[in-house]
Amino acid sequence: MIEVSLHDSEHFAALYDRHADQLYRYAYRRVGPGVVEDIVADTFVAAFKRRNSYDLGCPDARAWLFGILTREIARHLRREKARYRAMSRAFTTAEEEDPALRVVADVAATALRGELAAALARLSAGDRHVLLLIAWGDLTYEETARALDIPIGTVRSRLNRARRRVRYALGNTNPMSTSEERG
C-alpha cells in the first residue's frame, strides 16, 4: 500500500483503514480522550509525509506507524505525566470528595488504577514507551524494537526494568484487582 501510495496518494487511505483503530485505542490509553484524535491524525500526516522513507522490505507497516505514534505521544509527554499524577491524586482523595467525583474516579479506575498511574509517571519515557507498547499496544518485542528504532536487547532490558519498578511501586500487588483482593 505504501509503495503504491508513492505514485497514487489515494491508496494511503487503505493504510489508515487498516491501522487507525489500533493506533487510536493505544493512544487513547496513553493520553486520554482530550488529544487522542489529534495525535492519531498527526501520526498519519507524518506517516504520509515520510512514506517515501519507509522500508519496503517490511510487509507490515504496523510497527512503523506505532513508532511514529510513540514520537507524537512523546510530544505530549508533559501532559501525560501530569495526567498520571492527577489520576493518582484523584484515587487517594475521591472518597473524601463529593459523590460525583467518586463516580468519575470509579469510571477511571476501570482503565487505570491510581497506584499504577503514579508508577507509570515515575518511569523514564523510554521504559514507559516499551512497557505500554507491549502491554497496551500488543506489539511483540521485535515490533517494539522497530517502532522505537532500538535494538531488541534494549527492548528486553527496558521492559524488565519497567516491570520491576512498577511491581516494586505497587508493593508486588496487581493494580487491576480490587482493594479487597489486595488485602
C-alpha atoms as a PDB file:
ATOM      1  CA  MET A   1       0.000   0.000   0.000  1.00  0.00           C
ATOM      2  CA  ILE A   2       2.781   2.407   0.890  1.00  0.00           C
ATOM      3  CA  GLU A   3       4.695   1.703  -2.300  1.00  0.00           C
ATOM      4  CA  VAL A   4       1.578   2.205  -4.414  1.00  0.00           C
ATOM      5  CA  SER A   5       0.760   5.396  -2.485  1.00  0.00           C
ATOM      6  CA  LEU A   6       4.074   6.905  -3.613  1.00  0.00           C
ATOM      7  CA  HIS A   7       2.570   7.137  -7.099  1.00  0.00           C
ATOM      8  CA  ASP A   8      -1.103   7.400  -6.189  1.00  0.00           C
ATOM      9  CA  SER A   9      -1.678   9.041  -2.802  1.00  0.00           C
ATOM     10  CA  GLU A  10      -5.291   7.825  -2.698  1.00  0.00           C
ATOM     11  CA  HIS A  11      -4.026   4.348  -1.753  1.00  0.00           C
ATOM     12  CA  PHE A  12      -2.616   5.644   1.515  1.00  0.00           C
ATOM     13  CA  ALA A  13      -6.185   5.697   2.865  1.00  0.00           C
ATOM     14  CA  ALA A  14      -6.124   1.885   2.957  1.00  0.00           C
ATOM     15  CA  LEU A  15      -3.280   2.084   5.492  1.00  0.00           C
ATOM     16  CA  TYR A  16      -5.451   4.335   7.631  1.00  0.00           C
ATOM     17  CA  ASP A  17      -8.397   1.963   7.316  1.00  0.00           C
ATOM     18  CA  ARG A  18      -6.261  -0.997   8.363  1.00  0.00           C
ATOM     19  CA  HIS A  19      -4.456   0.522  11.375  1.00  0.00           C
ATOM     20  CA  ALA A  20      -6.316   3.578  12.677  1.00  0.00           C
ATOM     21  CA  ASP A  21      -8.432   1.705  15.219  1.00  0.00           C
ATOM     22  CA  GLN A  22      -5.409   0.020  16.829  1.00  0.00           C
ATOM     23  CA  LEU A  23      -3.471   3.270  16.958  1.00  0.00           C
ATOM     24  CA  TYR A  24      -6.480   5.097  18.363  1.00  0.00           C
ATOM     25  CA  ARG A  25      -7.044   2.528  21.134  1.00  0.00           C
ATOM     26  CA  TYR A  26      -3.392   2.588  22.136  1.00  0.00           C
ATOM     27  CA  ALA A  27      -3.146   6.388  22.057  1.00  0.00           C
ATOM     28  CA  TYR A  28      -6.405   6.708  23.986  1.00  0.00           C
ATOM     29  CA  ARG A  29      -4.979   4.601  26.788  1.00  0.00           C
ATOM     30  CA  ARG A  30      -1.793   6.658  26.788  1.00  0.00           C
ATOM     31  CA  VAL A  31      -3.147  10.208  26.629  1.00  0.00           C
ATOM     32  CA  GLY A  32      -6.890  10.046  27.227  1.00  0.00           C
ATOM     33  CA  PRO A  33      -9.713  11.478  25.204  1.00  0.00           C
ATOM     34  CA  GLY A  34      -8.570  15.099  25.085  1.00  0.00           C
ATOM     35  CA  VAL A  35      -5.879  14.835  22.426  1.00  0.00           C
ATOM     36  CA  VAL A  36      -6.120  11.297  21.084  1.00  0.00           C
ATOM     37  CA  GLU A  37      -7.788  12.215  17.794  1.00  0.00           C
ATOM     38  CA  ASP A  38      -5.215  14.928  17.140  1.00  0.00           C
ATOM     39  CA  ILE A  39      -2.324  12.596  17.927  1.00  0.00           C
ATOM     40  CA  VAL A  40      -3.613   9.837  15.648  1.00  0.00           C
ATOM     41  CA  ALA A  41      -4.273  12.361  12.886  1.00  0.00           C
ATOM     42  CA  ASP A  42      -0.773  13.816  13.336  1.00  0.00           C
ATOM     43  CA  THR A  43       0.606  10.274  13.142  1.00  0.00           C
ATOM     44  CA  PHE A  44      -0.969   9.646   9.756  1.00  0.00           C
ATOM     45  CA  VAL A  45       0.043  13.064   8.453  1.00  0.00           C
ATOM     46  CA  ALA A  46       3.645  12.357   9.491  1.00  0.00           C
ATOM     47  CA  ALA A  47       3.470   8.841   8.001  1.00  0.00           C
ATOM     48  CA  PHE A  48       2.125  10.211   4.738  1.00  0.00           C
ATOM     49  CA  LYS A  49       4.922  12.779   4.569  1.00  0.00           C
ATOM     50  CA  ARG A  50       7.548  10.133   5.408  1.00  0.00           C
ATOM     51  CA  ARG A  51       6.148   7.313   3.282  1.00  0.00           C
ATOM     52  CA  ASN A  52       8.991   7.632   0.782  1.00  0.00           C
ATOM     53  CA  SER A  53      11.455   6.647   3.549  1.00  0.00           C
ATOM     54  CA  TYR A  54       9.507   3.530   4.575  1.00  0.00           C
ATOM     55  CA  ASP A  55      11.486   0.272   4.332  1.00  0.00           C
ATOM     56  CA  LEU A  56       9.543  -1.558   1.644  1.00  0.00           C
ATOM     57  CA  GLY A  57      11.176  -4.799   2.820  1.00  0.00           C
ATOM     58  CA  CYS A  58       8.838  -4.772   5.827  1.00  0.00           C
ATOM     59  CA  PRO A  59       5.498  -6.171   4.676  1.00  0.00           C
ATOM     60  CA  ASP A  60       3.529  -4.762   7.625  1.00  0.00           C
ATOM     61  CA  ALA A  61       3.550  -1.051   8.459  1.00  0.00           C
ATOM     62  CA  ARG A  62       2.084  -1.540  11.936  1.00  0.00           C
ATOM     63  CA  ALA A  63       5.365  -1.222  13.858  1.00  0.00           C
ATOM     64  CA  TRP A  64       6.389   1.776  11.724  1.00  0.00           C
ATOM     65  CA  LEU A  65       3.089   3.512  12.494  1.00  0.00           C
ATOM     66  CA  PHE A  66       3.366   2.719  16.203  1.00  0.00           C
ATOM     67  CA  GLY A  67       6.856   4.236  16.145  1.00  0.00           C
ATOM     68  CA  ILE A  68       5.520   7.451  14.658  1.00  0.00           C
ATOM     69  CA  LEU A  69       2.625   7.395  17.117  1.00  0.00           C
ATOM     70  CA  THR A  70       5.024   6.967  20.029  1.00  0.00           C
ATOM     71  CA  ARG A  71       7.011  10.001  18.900  1.00  0.00           C
ATOM     72  CA  GLU A  72       3.796  12.003  18.619  1.00  0.00           C
ATOM     73  CA  ILE A  73       2.833  10.916  22.110  1.00  0.00           C
ATOM     74  CA  ALA A  74       6.271  11.910  23.380  1.00  0.00           C
ATOM     75  CA  ARG A  75       5.482  15.468  22.283  1.00  0.00           C
ATOM     76  CA  HIS A  76       2.646  15.376  24.760  1.00  0.00           C
ATOM     77  CA  LEU A  77       4.718  13.720  27.492  1.00  0.00           C
ATOM     78  CA  ARG A  78       4.322  16.552  29.952  1.00  0.00           C
ATOM     79  CA  ARG A  79       0.557  16.361  29.674  1.00  0.00           C
ATOM     80  CA  GLU A  80       0.731  12.590  30.026  1.00  0.00           C
ATOM     81  CA  LYS A  81       2.810  12.760  33.201  1.00  0.00           C
ATOM     82  CA  ALA A  82       0.538  15.442  34.622  1.00  0.00           C
ATOM     83  CA  ARG A  83      -2.478  13.228  33.842  1.00  0.00           C
ATOM     84  CA  TYR A  84      -0.942  10.259  35.653  1.00  0.00           C
ATOM     85  CA  ARG A  85      -0.164  12.421  38.679  1.00  0.00           C
ATOM     86  CA  ALA A  86      -3.695  13.839  38.667  1.00  0.00           C
ATOM     87  CA  MET A  87      -5.220  10.366  38.434  1.00  0.00           C
ATOM     88  CA  SER A  88      -3.049   9.229  41.301  1.00  0.00           C
ATOM     89  CA  ARG A  89      -4.282  12.122  43.441  1.00  0.00           C
ATOM     90  CA  ALA A  90      -7.890  11.508  42.367  1.00  0.00           C
ATOM     91  CA  PHE A  91      -7.829   7.968  43.669  1.00  0.00           C
ATOM     92  CA  THR A  92      -6.446   8.974  47.035  1.00  0.00           C
ATOM     93  CA  THR A  93      -8.909  11.805  47.588  1.00  0.00           C
ATOM     94  CA  ALA A  94     -12.051  10.674  45.754  1.00  0.00           C
ATOM     95  CA  GLU A  95     -13.642   9.096  48.795  1.00  0.00           C
ATOM     96  CA  GLU A  96     -13.310  12.376  50.677  1.00  0.00           C
ATOM     97  CA  GLU A  97     -14.902  14.344  47.835  1.00  0.00           C
ATOM     98  CA  ASP A  98     -18.500  14.618  46.726  1.00  0.00           C
ATOM     99  CA  PRO A  99     -20.308  11.652  45.096  1.00  0.00           C
ATOM    100  CA  ALA A 100     -19.877  12.996  41.557  1.00  0.00           C
ATOM    101  CA  LEU A 101     -16.098  12.874  41.889  1.00  0.00           C
ATOM    102  CA  ARG A 102     -16.306   9.352  43.272  1.00  0.00           C
ATOM    103  CA  VAL A 103     -18.245   8.270  40.182  1.00  0.00           C
ATOM    104  CA  VAL A 104     -15.634   9.836  37.909  1.00  0.00           C
ATOM    105  CA  ALA A 105     -12.865   8.124  39.877  1.00  0.00           C
ATOM    106  CA  ASP A 106     -14.673   4.774  39.747  1.00  0.00           C
ATOM    107  CA  VAL A 107     -15.092   5.013  35.986  1.00  0.00           C
ATOM    108  CA  ALA A 108     -11.438   5.940  35.533  1.00  0.00           C
ATOM    109  CA  ALA A 109     -10.424   3.088  37.825  1.00  0.00           C
ATOM    110  CA  THR A 110     -11.674   0.543  35.341  1.00  0.00           C
ATOM    111  CA  ALA A 111      -8.994   1.664  32.900  1.00  0.00           C
ATOM    112  CA  LEU A 112      -6.144   2.508  35.256  1.00  0.00           C
ATOM    113  CA  ARG A 113      -5.675   2.308  38.997  1.00  0.00           C
ATOM    114  CA  GLY A 114      -4.167   5.282  40.806  1.00  0.00           C
ATOM    115  CA  GLU A 115      -1.189   3.349  42.039  1.00  0.00           C
ATOM    116  CA  LEU A 116      -0.387   2.217  38.529  1.00  0.00           C
ATOM    117  CA  ALA A 117      -0.755   5.747  37.195  1.00  0.00           C
ATOM    118  CA  ALA A 118       1.734   7.015  39.756  1.00  0.00           C
ATOM    119  CA  ALA A 119       4.141   4.163  38.987  1.00  0.00           C
ATOM    120  CA  LEU A 120       3.934   4.851  35.246  1.00  0.00           C
ATOM    121  CA  ALA A 121       4.561   8.548  35.826  1.00  0.00           C
ATOM    122  CA  ARG A 122       7.796   7.716  37.640  1.00  0.00           C
ATOM    123  CA  LEU A 123       9.195   5.585  34.801  1.00  0.00           C
ATOM    124  CA  SER A 124      11.589   7.087  32.289  1.00  0.00           C
ATOM    125  CA  ALA A 125       9.980   7.878  28.948  1.00  0.00           C
ATOM    126  CA  GLY A 126      11.905   5.078  27.217  1.00  0.00           C
ATOM    127  CA  ASP A 127      10.888   2.467  29.782  1.00  0.00           C
ATOM    128  CA  ARG A 128       7.264   3.655  29.723  1.00  0.00           C
ATOM    129  CA  HIS A 129       7.122   3.550  25.900  1.00  0.00           C
ATOM    130  CA  VAL A 130       8.394  -0.045  25.803  1.00  0.00           C
ATOM    131  CA  LEU A 131       6.120  -1.244  28.604  1.00  0.00           C
ATOM    132  CA  LEU A 132       2.987   0.344  27.155  1.00  0.00           C
ATOM    133  CA  LEU A 133       3.663  -0.635  23.533  1.00  0.00           C
ATOM    134  CA  ILE A 134       3.882  -4.245  24.662  1.00  0.00           C
ATOM    135  CA  ALA A 135       1.115  -4.155  27.297  1.00  0.00           C
ATOM    136  CA  TRP A 136      -1.417  -1.856  25.632  1.00  0.00           C
ATOM    137  CA  GLY A 137      -0.321  -1.869  22.002  1.00  0.00           C
ATOM    138  CA  ASP A 138       0.034  -5.663  21.840  1.00  0.00           C
ATOM    139  CA  LEU A 139       3.299  -5.279  19.956  1.00  0.00           C
ATOM    140  CA  THR A 140       5.887  -8.041  20.050  1.00  0.00           C
ATOM    141  CA  TYR A 141       9.438  -7.366  21.232  1.00  0.00           C
ATOM    142  CA  GLU A 142      10.520  -7.211  17.594  1.00  0.00           C
ATOM    143  CA  GLU A 143       7.736  -4.798  16.636  1.00  0.00           C
ATOM    144  CA  THR A 144       8.524  -2.627  19.649  1.00  0.00           C
ATOM    145  CA  ALA A 145      12.183  -2.530  18.641  1.00  0.00           C
ATOM    146  CA  ARG A 146      11.205  -1.447  15.119  1.00  0.00           C
ATOM    147  CA  ALA A 147       8.653   1.067  16.406  1.00  0.00           C
ATOM    148  CA  LEU A 148      11.181   2.773  18.669  1.00  0.00           C
ATOM    149  CA  ASP A 149      14.177   2.153  16.396  1.00  0.00           C
ATOM    150  CA  ILE A 150      16.144   0.481  19.175  1.00  0.00           C
ATOM    151  CA  PRO A 151      17.840  -2.933  19.444  1.00  0.00           C
ATOM    152  CA  ILE A 152      15.726  -5.812  20.705  1.00  0.00           C
ATOM    153  CA  GLY A 153      18.114  -6.201  23.639  1.00  0.00           C
ATOM    154  CA  THR A 154      17.257  -2.648  24.686  1.00  0.00           C
ATOM    155  CA  VAL A 155      13.559  -3.534  24.491  1.00  0.00           C
ATOM    156  CA  ARG A 156      14.141  -6.526  26.754  1.00  0.00           C
ATOM    157  CA  SER A 157      16.189  -4.589  29.308  1.00  0.00           C
ATOM    158  CA  ARG A 158      13.773  -1.627  29.367  1.00  0.00           C
ATOM    159  CA  LEU A 159      10.791  -3.937  29.742  1.00  0.00           C
ATOM    160  CA  ASN A 160      12.474  -5.859  32.546  1.00  0.00           C
ATOM    161  CA  ARG A 161      13.412  -2.638  34.345  1.00  0.00           C
ATOM    162  CA  ALA A 162       9.929  -1.129  33.864  1.00  0.00           C
ATOM    163  CA  ARG A 163       8.180  -4.257  35.117  1.00  0.00           C
ATOM    164  CA  ARG A 164      10.469  -4.457  38.138  1.00  0.00           C
ATOM    165  CA  ARG A 165       9.932  -0.783  39.026  1.00  0.00           C
ATOM    166  CA  VAL A 166       6.178  -0.912  38.571  1.00  0.00           C
ATOM    167  CA  ARG A 167       5.947  -4.127  40.579  1.00  0.00           C
ATOM    168  CA  TYR A 168       8.048  -2.572  43.360  1.00  0.00           C
ATOM    169  CA  ALA A 169       5.993   0.653  43.316  1.00  0.00           C
ATOM    170  CA  LEU A 170       2.808  -1.387  43.635  1.00  0.00           C
ATOM    171  CA  GLY A 171       4.129  -3.402  46.570  1.00  0.00           C
ATOM    172  CA  ASN A 172       4.020  -6.584  44.482  1.00  0.00           C
ATOM    173  CA  THR A 173       0.259  -6.261  44.028  1.00  0.00           C
ATOM    174  CA  ASN A 174      -1.881  -6.484  40.922  1.00  0.00           C
ATOM    175  CA  PRO A 175      -3.261  -2.983  40.165  1.00  0.00           C
ATOM    176  CA  MET A 176      -6.219  -4.474  38.332  1.00  0.00           C
ATOM    177  CA  SER A 177      -7.514  -6.351  41.365  1.00  0.00           C
ATOM    178  CA  THR A 178      -9.974  -4.813  43.800  1.00  0.00           C
ATOM    179  CA  SER A 179      -8.834  -3.260  47.061  1.00  0.00           C
ATOM    180  CA  GLU A 180     -10.332  -6.207  48.978  1.00  0.00           C
ATOM    181  CA  GLU A 181      -8.293  -8.671  46.896  1.00  0.00           C
ATOM    182  CA  ARG A 182      -5.127  -6.673  47.530  1.00  0.00           C
ATOM    183  CA  GLY A 183      -5.724  -7.000  51.241  1.00  0.00           C
END
